[in-house]
Amino acid sequence: MLTIHCAACRKKLWRYDKIGPGEVLRCHKDRIKKMYNSQVHEHKIQCPCGKNIGIDKGRFYKMITKAFTYKGTKRN
């Protein structure tokens, strides 16, 4: 389980169940377990500080690589 944080202000955004050893390029909506501080605004997901974190593509969020950090372990 990973905790996704904003890279600019370090606020928690959501908890995500990551499957596999690869990078976090997409966050599937059905694997997001808990939302903390995120807002969807015009098909973009944003931190309350205003930084764009990802783009809403329907079933998943396409993540902007330098906009977030994460902590936790990935499930293989």
PDB file of N, CA and C in Angstrom:
ATOM      1  N   MET A   1       0.848  -1.172   0.000  1.00  0.00           N
ATOM      2  CA  MET A   1       0.000   0.000   0.000  1.00  0.00           C
ATOM      3  C   MET A   1       0.895   1.236   0.000  1.00  0.00           C
ATOM      4  N   LEU A   2       0.644   2.148  -0.929  1.00  0.00           N
ATOM      5  CA  LEU A   2       1.417   3.378  -1.033  1.00  0.00           C
ATOM      6  C   LEU A   2       0.595   4.559  -0.551  1.00  0.00           C
ATOM      7  N   THR A   3       1.263   5.541  -0.002  1.00  0.00           N
ATOM      8  CA  THR A   3       0.642   6.822   0.316  1.00  0.00           C
ATOM      9  C   THR A   3       1.224   7.839  -0.659  1.00  0.00           C
ATOM     10  N   ILE A   4       0.370   8.453  -1.477  1.00  0.00           N
ATOM     11  CA  ILE A   4       0.783   9.433  -2.476  1.00  0.00           C
ATOM     12  C   ILE A   4       0.759  10.813  -1.823  1.00  0.00           C
ATOM     13  N   HIS A   5       1.868  11.565  -1.975  1.00  0.00           N
ATOM     14  CA  HIS A   5       2.007  12.903  -1.414  1.00  0.00           C
ATOM     15  C   HIS A   5       2.270  13.906  -2.530  1.00  0.00           C
ATOM     16  N   CYS A   6       1.880  15.156  -2.312  1.00  0.00           N
ATOM     17  CA  CYS A   6       2.213  16.248  -3.229  1.00  0.00           C
ATOM     18  C   CYS A   6       3.709  16.540  -3.093  1.00  0.00           C
ATOM     19  N   ALA A   7       4.406  16.742  -4.211  1.00  0.00           N
ATOM     20  CA  ALA A   7       5.839  17.024  -4.170  1.00  0.00           C
ATOM     21  C   ALA A   7       6.116  18.447  -3.694  1.00  0.00           C
ATOM     22  N   ALA A   8       5.170  19.356  -3.894  1.00  0.00           N
ATOM     23  CA  ALA A   8       5.390  20.753  -3.525  1.00  0.00           C
ATOM     24  C   ALA A   8       5.159  21.006  -2.041  1.00  0.00           C
ATOM     25  N   CYS A   9       4.015  20.557  -1.504  1.00  0.00           N
ATOM     26  CA  CYS A   9       3.671  20.895  -0.117  1.00  0.00           C
ATOM     27  C   CYS A   9       3.678  19.689   0.818  1.00  0.00           C
ATOM     28  N   ARG A  10       3.879  18.485   0.295  1.00  0.00           N
ATOM     29  CA  ARG A  10       3.979  17.241   1.073  1.00  0.00           C
ATOM     30  C   ARG A  10       2.682  16.798   1.745  1.00  0.00           C
ATOM     31  N   LYS A  11       1.537  17.308   1.310  1.00  0.00           N
ATOM     32  CA  LYS A  11       0.266  16.845   1.879  1.00  0.00           C
ATOM     33  C   LYS A  11      -0.062  15.460   1.341  1.00  0.00           C
ATOM     34  N   LYS A  12      -0.720  14.648   2.186  1.00  0.00           N
ATOM     35  CA  LYS A  12      -1.197  13.336   1.741  1.00  0.00           C
ATOM     36  C   LYS A  12      -2.340  13.538   0.765  1.00  0.00           C
ATOM     37  N   LEU A  13      -2.324  12.787  -0.335  1.00  0.00           N
ATOM     38  CA  LEU A  13      -3.391  12.886  -1.323  1.00  0.00           C
ATOM     39  C   LEU A  13      -4.309  11.674  -1.277  1.00  0.00           C
ATOM     40  N   TRP A  14      -3.743  10.452  -1.348  1.00  0.00           N
ATOM     41  CA  TRP A  14      -4.547   9.241  -1.234  1.00  0.00           C
ATOM     42  C   TRP A  14      -3.684   8.035  -0.928  1.00  0.00           C
ATOM     43  N   ARG A  15      -4.366   6.935  -0.515  1.00  0.00           N
ATOM     44  CA  ARG A  15      -3.713   5.637  -0.308  1.00  0.00           C
ATOM     45  C   ARG A  15      -4.033   4.781  -1.515  1.00  0.00           C
ATOM     46  N   TYR A  16      -3.007   4.121  -2.062  1.00  0.00           N
ATOM     47  CA  TYR A  16      -3.145   3.396  -3.324  1.00  0.00           C
ATOM     48  C   TYR A  16      -2.540   2.005  -3.195  1.00  0.00           C
ATOM     49  N   ASP A  17      -3.268   1.004  -3.676  1.00  0.00           N
ATOM     50  CA  ASP A  17      -2.801  -0.382  -3.680  1.00  0.00           C
ATOM     51  C   ASP A  17      -2.054  -0.620  -4.989  1.00  0.00           C
ATOM     52  N   LYS A  18      -0.715  -0.532  -4.945  1.00  0.00           N
ATOM     53  CA  LYS A  18       0.123  -0.694  -6.139  1.00  0.00           C
ATOM     54  C   LYS A  18       0.464  -2.157  -6.325  1.00  0.00           C
ATOM     55  N   ILE A  19       0.190  -2.677  -7.524  1.00  0.00           N
ATOM     56  CA  ILE A  19       0.497  -4.062  -7.867  1.00  0.00           C
ATOM     57  C   ILE A  19       1.653  -4.054  -8.859  1.00  0.00           C
ATOM     58  N   GLY A  20       2.715  -4.782  -8.553  1.00  0.00           N
ATOM     59  CA  GLY A  20       3.858  -4.882  -9.440  1.00  0.00           C
ATOM     60  C   GLY A  20       5.000  -3.971  -9.034  1.00  0.00           C
ATOM     61  N   PRO A  21       6.198  -4.268  -9.548  1.00  0.00           N
ATOM     62  CA  PRO A  21       7.396  -3.553  -9.116  1.00  0.00           C
ATOM     63  C   PRO A  21       7.685  -2.255  -9.874  1.00  0.00           C
ATOM     64  N   GLY A  22       6.935  -1.919 -10.891  1.00  0.00           N
ATOM     65  CA  GLY A  22       7.247  -0.775 -11.743  1.00  0.00           C
ATOM     66  C   GLY A  22       6.951   0.577 -11.122  1.00  0.00           C
ATOM     67  N   GLU A  23       7.162   1.612 -11.925  1.00  0.00           N
ATOM     68  CA  GLU A  23       6.910   2.982 -11.494  1.00  0.00           C
ATOM     69  C   GLU A  23       5.410   3.258 -11.396  1.00  0.00           C
ATOM     70  N   VAL A  24       5.056   4.313 -10.693  1.00  0.00           N
ATOM     71  CA  VAL A  24       3.655   4.727 -10.572  1.00  0.00           C
ATOM     72  C   VAL A  24       3.370   5.677 -11.738  1.00  0.00           C
ATOM     73  N   LEU A  25       2.864   5.139 -12.840  1.00  0.00           N
ATOM     74  CA  LEU A  25       2.533   5.936 -14.017  1.00  0.00           C
ATOM     75  C   LEU A  25       1.044   6.237 -14.079  1.00  0.00           C
ATOM     76  N   ARG A  26       0.245   5.313 -13.560  1.00  0.00           N
ATOM     77  CA  ARG A  26      -1.207   5.443 -13.517  1.00  0.00           C
ATOM     78  C   ARG A  26      -1.688   5.024 -12.144  1.00  0.00           C
ATOM     79  N   CYS A  27      -2.754   5.661 -11.680  1.00  0.00           N
ATOM     80  CA  CYS A  27      -3.432   5.215 -10.464  1.00  0.00           C
ATOM     81  C   CYS A  27      -4.854   4.855 -10.856  1.00  0.00           C
ATOM     82  N   HIS A  28      -5.162   3.568 -10.823  1.00  0.00           N
ATOM     83  CA  HIS A  28      -6.505   3.100 -11.158  1.00  0.00           C
ATOM     84  C   HIS A  28      -7.456   3.468 -10.027  1.00  0.00           C
ATOM     85  N   LYS A  29      -8.595   4.014 -10.375  1.00  0.00           N
ATOM     86  CA  LYS A  29      -9.544   4.532  -9.385  1.00  0.00           C
ATOM     87  C   LYS A  29     -10.076   3.447  -8.459  1.00  0.00           C
ATOM     88  N   ASP A  30     -10.226   2.216  -8.969  1.00  0.00           N
ATOM     89  CA  ASP A  30     -10.755   1.148  -8.124  1.00  0.00           C
ATOM     90  C   ASP A  30      -9.732   0.651  -7.104  1.00  0.00           C
ATOM     91  N   ARG A  31      -8.453   1.008  -7.248  1.00  0.00           N
ATOM     92  CA  ARG A  31      -7.424   0.617  -6.285  1.00  0.00           C
ATOM     93  C   ARG A  31      -7.116   1.703  -5.267  1.00  0.00           C
ATOM     94  N   ILE A  32      -7.711   2.883  -5.411  1.00  0.00           N
ATOM     95  CA  ILE A  32      -7.532   3.936  -4.423  1.00  0.00           C
ATOM     96  C   ILE A  32      -8.403   3.591  -3.223  1.00  0.00           C
ATOM     97  N   LYS A  33      -7.768   3.399  -2.077  1.00  0.00           N
ATOM     98  CA  LYS A  33      -8.475   2.941  -0.883  1.00  0.00           C
ATOM     99  C   LYS A  33      -9.018   4.085  -0.040  1.00  0.00           C
ATOM    100  N   LYS A  34      -8.295   5.201   0.026  1.00  0.00           N
ATOM    101  CA  LYS A  34      -8.760   6.324   0.833  1.00  0.00           C
ATOM    102  C   LYS A  34      -8.253   7.626   0.220  1.00  0.00           C
ATOM    103  N   MET A  35      -9.166   8.591   0.037  1.00  0.00           N
ATOM    104  CA  MET A  35      -8.808   9.915  -0.475  1.00  0.00           C
ATOM    105  C   MET A  35      -8.616  10.843   0.716  1.00  0.00           C
ATOM    106  N   TYR A  36      -7.557  11.643   0.683  1.00  0.00           N
ATOM    107  CA  TYR A  36      -7.302  12.606   1.748  1.00  0.00           C
ATOM    108  C   TYR A  36      -7.558  14.026   1.249  1.00  0.00           C
ATOM    109  N   ASN A  37      -6.607  14.604   0.529  1.00  0.00           N
ATOM    110  CA  ASN A  37      -6.665  16.005   0.110  1.00  0.00           C
ATOM    111  C   ASN A  37      -6.438  16.105  -1.391  1.00  0.00           C
ATOM    112  N   SER A  38      -7.423  15.817  -2.181  1.00  0.00           N
ATOM    113  CA  SER A  38      -7.266  15.990  -3.627  1.00  0.00           C
ATOM    114  C   SER A  38      -8.579  16.490  -4.202  1.00  0.00           C
ATOM    115  N   GLN A  39      -8.469  17.229  -5.294  1.00  0.00           N
ATOM    116  CA  GLN A  39      -9.632  17.817  -5.938  1.00  0.00           C
ATOM    117  C   GLN A  39      -9.546  17.550  -7.432  1.00  0.00           C
ATOM    118  N   VAL A  40     -10.683  17.254  -8.059  1.00  0.00           N
ATOM    119  CA  VAL A  40     -10.733  17.102  -9.512  1.00  0.00           C
ATOM    120  C   VAL A  40     -11.282  18.408 -10.076  1.00  0.00           C
ATOM    121  N   HIS A  41     -10.521  19.014 -10.976  1.00  0.00           N
ATOM    122  CA  HIS A  41     -10.891  20.299 -11.567  1.00  0.00           C
ATOM    123  C   HIS A  41     -10.589  20.252 -13.055  1.00  0.00           C
ATOM    124  N   GLU A  42     -11.627  20.245 -13.895  1.00  0.00           N
ATOM    125  CA  GLU A  42     -11.506  20.212 -15.364  1.00  0.00           C
ATOM    126  C   GLU A  42     -10.621  19.057 -15.843  1.00  0.00           C
ATOM    127  N   HIS A  43     -10.943  17.847 -15.454  1.00  0.00           N
ATOM    128  CA  HIS A  43     -10.246  16.611 -15.843  1.00  0.00           C
ATOM    129  C   HIS A  43      -8.793  16.559 -15.367  1.00  0.00           C
ATOM    130  N   LYS A  44      -8.436  17.358 -14.378  1.00  0.00           N
ATOM    131  CA  LYS A  44      -7.116  17.296 -13.771  1.00  0.00           C
ATOM    132  C   LYS A  44      -7.299  17.099 -12.272  1.00  0.00           C
ATOM    133  N   ILE A  45      -6.448  16.277 -11.687  1.00  0.00           N
ATOM    134  CA  ILE A  45      -6.507  16.093 -10.244  1.00  0.00           C
ATOM    135  C   ILE A  45      -5.434  16.981  -9.630  1.00  0.00           C
ATOM    136  N   GLN A  46      -5.839  17.743  -8.608  1.00  0.00           N
ATOM    137  CA  GLN A  46      -4.963  18.744  -8.031  1.00  0.00           C
ATOM    138  C   GLN A  46      -4.860  18.578  -6.523  1.00  0.00           C
ATOM    139  N   CYS A  47      -3.733  19.040  -6.002  1.00  0.00           N
ATOM    140  CA  CYS A  47      -3.543  19.186  -4.562  1.00  0.00           C
ATOM    141  C   CYS A  47      -4.232  20.484  -4.147  1.00  0.00           C
ATOM    142  N   PRO A  48      -4.636  20.624  -2.882  1.00  0.00           N
ATOM    143  CA  PRO A  48      -5.213  21.901  -2.439  1.00  0.00           C
ATOM    144  C   PRO A  48      -4.275  23.100  -2.621  1.00  0.00           C
ATOM    145  N   CYS A  49      -2.952  22.872  -2.735  1.00  0.00           N
ATOM    146  CA  CYS A  49      -2.020  23.981  -2.960  1.00  0.00           C
ATOM    147  C   CYS A  49      -2.074  24.483  -4.404  1.00  0.00           C
ATOM    148  N   GLY A  50      -2.764  23.770  -5.305  1.00  0.00           N
ATOM    149  CA  GLY A  50      -2.931  24.209  -6.682  1.00  0.00           C
ATOM    150  C   GLY A  50      -2.088  23.463  -7.700  1.00  0.00           C
ATOM    151  N   LYS A  51      -1.184  22.601  -7.259  1.00  0.00           N
ATOM    152  CA  LYS A  51      -0.321  21.867  -8.177  1.00  0.00           C
ATOM    153  C   LYS A  51      -1.090  20.718  -8.839  1.00  0.00           C
ATOM    154  N   ASN A  52      -0.948  20.570 -10.153  1.00  0.00           N
ATOM    155  CA  ASN A  52      -1.568  19.462 -10.885  1.00  0.00           C
ATOM    156  C   ASN A  52      -0.785  18.187 -10.603  1.00  0.00           C
ATOM    157  N   ILE A  53      -1.502  17.131 -10.209  1.00  0.00           N
ATOM    158  CA  ILE A  53      -0.886  15.848  -9.873  1.00  0.00           C
ATOM    159  C   ILE A  53      -1.073  14.837 -10.996  1.00  0.00           C
ATOM    160  N   GLY A  54      -2.230  14.879 -11.658  1.00  0.00           N
ATOM    161  CA  GLY A  54      -2.512  13.920 -12.719  1.00  0.00           C
ATOM    162  C   GLY A  54      -3.667  14.373 -13.577  1.00  0.00           C
ATOM    163  N   ILE A  55      -3.941  13.568 -14.610  1.00  0.00           N
ATOM    164  CA  ILE A  55      -5.017  13.844 -15.563  1.00  0.00           C
ATOM    165  C   ILE A  55      -6.021  12.709 -15.484  1.00  0.00           C
ATOM    166  N   ASP A  56      -7.297  13.045 -15.367  1.00  0.00           N
ATOM    167  CA  ASP A  56      -8.373  12.056 -15.270  1.00  0.00           C
ATOM    168  C   ASP A  56      -8.636  11.466 -16.651  1.00  0.00           C
ATOM    169  N   LYS A  57      -8.394  10.172 -16.808  1.00  0.00           N
ATOM    170  CA  LYS A  57      -8.587   9.474 -18.079  1.00  0.00           C
ATOM    171  C   LYS A  57      -9.757   8.493 -18.038  1.00  0.00           C
ATOM    172  N   GLY A  58     -10.661   8.662 -17.082  1.00  0.00           N
ATOM    173  CA  GLY A  58     -11.815   7.762 -17.000  1.00  0.00           C
ATOM    174  C   GLY A  58     -11.649   6.756 -15.883  1.00  0.00           C
ATOM    175  N   ARG A  59     -11.074   5.592 -16.192  1.00  0.00           N
ATOM    176  CA  ARG A  59     -10.897   4.545 -15.187  1.00  0.00           C
ATOM    177  C   ARG A  59      -9.651   4.743 -14.336  1.00  0.00           C
ATOM    178  N   PHE A  60      -8.744   5.622 -14.759  1.00  0.00           N
ATOM    179  CA  PHE A  60      -7.502   5.831 -14.015  1.00  0.00           C
ATOM    180  C   PHE A  60      -7.058   7.287 -14.117  1.00  0.00           C
ATOM    181  N   TYR A  61      -6.103   7.650 -13.263  1.00  0.00           N
ATOM    182  CA  TYR A  61      -5.448   8.947 -13.327  1.00  0.00           C
ATOM    183  C   TYR A  61      -4.062   8.740 -13.932  1.00  0.00           C
ATOM    184  N   LYS A  62      -3.754   9.463 -15.010  1.00  0.00           N
ATOM    185  CA  LYS A  62      -2.408   9.450 -15.576  1.00  0.00           C
ATOM    186  C   LYS A  62      -1.590  10.436 -14.755  1.00  0.00           C
ATOM    187  N   MET A  63      -0.571   9.938 -14.075  1.00  0.00           N
ATOM    188  CA  MET A  63       0.172  10.730 -13.108  1.00  0.00           C
ATOM    189  C   MET A  63       1.265  11.565 -13.776  1.00  0.00           C
ATOM    190  N   ILE A  64       1.479  12.770 -13.254  1.00  0.00           N
ATOM    191  CA  ILE A  64       2.574  13.639 -13.682  1.00  0.00           C
ATOM    192  C   ILE A  64       3.764  13.291 -12.785  1.00  0.00           C
ATOM    193  N   THR A  65       4.827  12.774 -13.377  1.00  0.00           N
ATOM    194  CA  THR A  65       5.903  12.122 -12.641  1.00  0.00           C
ATOM    195  C   THR A  65       6.545  12.992 -11.569  1.00  0.00           C
ATOM    196  N   LYS A  66       6.871  14.229 -11.858  1.00  0.00           N
ATOM    197  CA  LYS A  66       7.586  15.087 -10.901  1.00  0.00           C
ATOM    198  C   LYS A  66       6.659  15.779  -9.909  1.00  0.00           C
ATOM    199  N   ALA A  67       5.355  15.571  -9.998  1.00  0.00           N
ATOM    200  CA  ALA A  67       4.388  16.296  -9.173  1.00  0.00           C
ATOM    201  C   ALA A  67       4.065  15.601  -7.857  1.00  0.00           C
ATOM    202  N   PHE A  68       4.492  14.356  -7.680  1.00  0.00           N
ATOM    203  CA  PHE A  68       4.129  13.608  -6.475  1.00  0.00           C
ATOM    204  C   PHE A  68       5.294  12.754  -6.002  1.00  0.00           C
ATOM    205  N   THR A  69       5.213  12.368  -4.737  1.00  0.00           N
ATOM    206  CA  THR A  69       6.123  11.382  -4.165  1.00  0.00           C
ATOM    207  C   THR A  69       5.256  10.316  -3.501  1.00  0.00           C
ATOM    208  N   TYR A  70       5.872   9.200  -3.125  1.00  0.00           N
ATOM    209  CA  TYR A  70       5.112   8.156  -2.445  1.00  0.00           C
ATOM    210  C   TYR A  70       5.973   7.459  -1.419  1.00  0.00           C
ATOM    211  N   LYS A  71       5.309   6.898  -0.428  1.00  0.00           N
ATOM    212  CA  LYS A  71       5.941   6.090   0.598  1.00  0.00           C
ATOM    213  C   LYS A  71       5.141   4.816   0.747  1.00  0.00           C
ATOM    214  N   GLY A  72       5.778   3.747   1.143  1.00  0.00           N
ATOM    215  CA  GLY A  72       5.087   2.495   1.350  1.00  0.00           C
ATOM    216  C   GLY A  72       5.696   1.373   0.544  1.00  0.00           C
ATOM    217  N   THR A  73       4.980   0.250   0.463  1.00  0.00           N
ATOM    218  CA  THR A  73       5.488  -0.928  -0.248  1.00  0.00           C
ATOM    219  C   THR A  73       4.547  -1.290  -1.378  1.00  0.00           C
ATOM    220  N   LYS A  74       5.123  -1.842  -2.438  1.00  0.00           N
ATOM    221  CA  LYS A  74       4.362  -2.295  -3.593  1.00  0.00           C
ATOM    222  C   LYS A  74       4.080  -3.784  -3.440  1.00  0.00           C
ATOM    223  N   ARG A  75       2.930  -4.210  -3.949  1.00  0.00           N
ATOM    224  CA  ARG A  75       2.531  -5.606  -3.884  1.00  0.00           C
ATOM    225  C   ARG A  75       2.973  -6.289  -5.177  1.00  0.00           C
ATOM    226  N   ASN A  76       3.693  -7.405  -5.079  1.00  0.00           N
ATOM    227  CA  ASN A  76       4.152  -8.116  -6.289  1.00  0.00           C
ATOM    228  C   ASN A  76       3.215  -9.196  -6.714  1.00  0.00           C
TER     229      ASN A  76
END
